[in-house]
Amino acid sequence: MREVTAEAKASLDITNDVCPITFVKTKLKLEELEPGEVLEVILKSGEPLANVPRSAKQEGHKILKVEQQGENFRLLIRKGE
């Protein structure tokens, strides 16, 4: 499987937030982007890591990558149409 690389148009750090605010902030940031643009989200494990990607997919966005970076995770989301 080849690695997906994408240039993030915007970045969002939600490591200090708890659910459901984590996805609310992610959704608001995605609304600022054009379809096809990529948002980088830095988040913690647990509920945010489980809920933010799932909620983004339900909204029609594509999860490009989830990778661990120390204690946090980096999520790349491509905005849907």
Protein backbone atom coordinates (compact mmCIF):
# COMPACT_ATOMS: atom_id res chain seq x y z
CA MET A 1 0.00 0.00 0.00
CA ARG A 2 1.50 3.32 -0.99
CA GLU A 3 1.67 6.18 1.49
CA VAL A 4 -0.74 9.04 0.94
CA THR A 5 0.87 12.45 0.95
CA ALA A 6 -1.06 15.67 0.83
CA GLU A 7 -0.27 19.29 1.47
CA ALA A 8 -2.51 20.52 4.26
CA LYS A 9 -4.22 23.82 3.48
CA ALA A 10 -4.96 24.41 7.18
CA SER A 11 -4.05 22.97 10.57
CA LEU A 12 -6.05 22.60 13.77
CA ASP A 13 -4.83 21.56 17.23
CA ILE A 14 -7.63 20.11 19.36
CA THR A 15 -5.42 18.36 21.94
CA ASN A 16 -6.81 20.52 24.77
CA ASP A 17 -10.45 19.94 23.83
CA VAL A 18 -12.90 17.16 24.74
CA CYS A 19 -15.75 15.58 22.78
CA PRO A 20 -18.03 16.82 21.31
CA ILE A 21 -16.10 20.12 20.97
CA THR A 22 -13.32 18.27 19.13
CA PHE A 23 -15.53 17.58 16.11
CA VAL A 24 -17.38 20.90 16.34
CA LYS A 25 -14.05 22.73 15.92
CA THR A 26 -12.98 20.33 13.15
CA LYS A 27 -16.28 20.83 11.29
CA LEU A 28 -16.02 24.63 11.55
CA LYS A 29 -12.45 24.55 10.21
CA LEU A 30 -13.49 22.27 7.32
CA GLU A 31 -16.23 24.75 6.40
CA GLU A 32 -13.50 27.35 5.75
CA LEU A 33 -11.88 25.11 3.11
CA GLU A 34 -12.78 24.48 -0.51
CA PRO A 35 -13.80 20.95 -1.60
CA GLY A 36 -10.70 18.83 -2.13
CA GLU A 37 -8.50 20.83 0.25
CA VAL A 38 -6.81 19.05 3.15
CA LEU A 39 -7.08 19.81 6.86
CA GLU A 40 -4.45 18.60 9.33
CA VAL A 41 -5.88 17.91 12.79
CA ILE A 42 -3.71 17.23 15.84
CA LEU A 43 -5.66 15.27 18.45
CA LYS A 44 -5.32 12.94 21.43
CA SER A 45 -6.07 9.24 21.59
CA GLY A 46 -9.31 7.91 23.07
CA GLU A 47 -12.63 9.57 22.23
CA PRO A 48 -11.22 12.26 19.90
CA LEU A 49 -9.27 9.69 17.86
CA ALA A 50 -12.33 7.45 17.61
CA ASN A 51 -14.98 10.12 17.04
CA VAL A 52 -13.41 12.82 14.84
CA PRO A 53 -12.46 10.54 11.89
CA ARG A 54 -15.80 8.70 12.08
CA SER A 55 -17.80 11.93 12.20
CA ALA A 56 -15.79 13.44 9.34
CA LYS A 57 -16.50 10.37 7.17
CA GLN A 58 -20.22 10.61 8.01
CA GLU A 59 -20.13 14.22 6.76
CA GLY A 60 -18.71 13.08 3.40
CA HIS A 61 -15.02 13.84 3.94
CA LYS A 62 -12.14 11.44 3.26
CA ILE A 63 -9.61 10.39 5.90
CA LEU A 64 -6.22 10.39 4.17
CA LYS A 65 -3.95 9.50 7.06
CA VAL A 66 -3.83 8.91 10.80
CA GLU A 67 -0.37 8.76 12.33
CA GLN A 68 0.95 8.85 15.86
CA GLN A 69 3.27 11.73 16.77
CA GLY A 70 4.50 11.22 20.31
CA GLU A 71 1.50 11.32 22.66
CA ASN A 72 -0.77 12.84 20.01
CA PHE A 73 -2.06 11.85 16.59
CA ARG A 74 -2.02 13.65 13.23
CA LEU A 75 -5.11 13.26 11.10
CA LEU A 76 -5.37 14.40 7.47
CA ILE A 77 -8.91 15.02 6.17
CA ARG A 78 -9.75 15.86 2.53
CA LYS A 79 -12.88 17.99 2.38
CA GLY A 80 -15.71 16.41 0.42
CA GLU A 81 -18.03 18.14 -2.07
